[in-house]
Amino acid sequence: MNELVQIIGFACLSHLVVDFISSFNLPELPDKPFRCDMCMGYWISIIPMCVQFGLIGILYSAMIAVLSNIIFKYV
C-alpha cells in the first residue's frame, strides 16, 4: 500500500512540476525532460526509488512515468 501511495504521489508531483515549468515559456529550456510529463516523472523518481527499493526502483520509476503521462492526458 505504501508503494502505491509513493507511485501516485511521484506521478502527481512530476505533473505539477512540468505544469509549473511550462508556465514560464522559457525558450532556452529543452522540451525533454522539462516539458514532458513522462520524462520528468522518470527523472524525478529514479534516484529516490533506487535508493529505497534497489534495482526494482527502476521499474517503479517506469510506472511513475507512465502514470504521469496518463494524468497529463486526462487532466
Protein backbone atom coordinates (compact mmCIF):
# COMPACT_ATOMS: atom_id res chain seq x y z
CA MET A 1 0.00 0.00 0.00
CA ASN A 2 2.86 2.36 0.82
CA GLU A 3 4.47 1.77 -2.58
CA LEU A 4 1.20 2.58 -4.34
CA VAL A 5 0.92 5.88 -2.50
CA GLN A 6 4.52 6.72 -3.42
CA ILE A 7 3.94 5.90 -7.08
CA ILE A 8 0.81 8.04 -7.29
CA GLY A 9 2.49 10.83 -5.31
CA PHE A 10 5.57 10.99 -7.53
CA ALA A 11 3.39 10.91 -10.67
CA CYS A 12 1.29 13.82 -9.39
CA LEU A 13 4.40 15.72 -8.31
CA SER A 14 6.02 15.34 -11.71
CA HIS A 15 2.85 16.53 -13.45
CA LEU A 16 2.74 19.60 -11.21
CA VAL A 17 6.44 20.37 -11.78
CA VAL A 18 6.06 20.17 -15.57
CA ASP A 19 2.97 22.34 -15.46
CA PHE A 20 4.81 24.89 -13.30
CA ILE A 21 7.90 24.96 -15.53
CA SER A 22 5.82 25.17 -18.72
CA SER A 23 4.00 28.24 -17.43
CA PHE A 24 7.22 30.29 -17.73
CA ASN A 25 7.54 29.70 -21.53
CA LEU A 26 11.31 29.91 -21.45
CA PRO A 27 12.70 29.14 -24.93
CA GLU A 28 16.14 28.15 -23.60
CA LEU A 29 14.74 25.13 -21.74
CA PRO A 30 14.69 21.97 -23.83
CA ASP A 31 11.39 20.16 -24.31
CA LYS A 32 12.68 16.96 -22.75
CA PRO A 33 12.67 16.44 -19.75
CA PHE A 34 11.35 19.86 -18.70
CA ARG A 35 8.12 19.88 -20.71
CA CYS A 36 7.45 16.16 -20.93
CA ASP A 37 5.48 14.56 -18.09
CA MET A 38 6.79 11.10 -18.83
CA CYS A 39 10.45 12.15 -18.86
CA MET A 40 10.15 14.34 -15.78
CA GLY A 41 8.35 11.61 -13.86
CA TYR A 42 11.13 9.18 -14.59
CA TRP A 43 13.98 11.52 -13.73
CA ILE A 44 12.39 12.88 -10.56
CA SER A 45 11.75 9.41 -9.19
CA ILE A 46 14.71 7.33 -10.34
CA ILE A 47 17.12 8.20 -7.52
CA PRO A 48 14.67 8.00 -4.58
CA MET A 49 13.17 4.75 -5.86
CA CYS A 50 16.54 3.10 -6.45
CA VAL A 51 17.76 4.16 -3.02
CA GLN A 52 14.65 2.82 -1.32
CA PHE A 53 13.99 -0.35 -3.36
CA GLY A 54 17.26 -1.17 -5.12
CA LEU A 55 17.16 -2.23 -8.75
CA ILE A 56 13.39 -2.79 -8.65
CA GLY A 57 13.20 1.00 -8.24
CA ILE A 58 13.84 1.31 -11.98
CA LEU A 59 10.56 -0.47 -12.61
CA TYR A 60 8.76 1.75 -10.12
CA SER A 61 10.16 4.81 -11.91
CA ALA A 62 8.86 3.48 -15.21
CA MET A 63 5.41 3.02 -13.65
CA ILE A 64 5.56 6.57 -12.31
CA ALA A 65 6.43 7.90 -15.77
CA VAL A 66 3.52 6.12 -17.41
CA LEU A 67 1.08 7.17 -14.69
CA SER A 68 2.26 10.78 -15.00
CA ASN A 69 1.55 10.65 -18.73
CA ILE A 70 -1.93 9.23 -18.05
CA ILE A 71 -2.60 12.05 -15.59
CA PHE A 72 -1.47 14.55 -18.25
CA LYS A 73 -3.82 13.10 -20.87
CA TYR A 74 -6.88 13.01 -18.64
CA VAL A 75 -6.47 16.29 -16.71
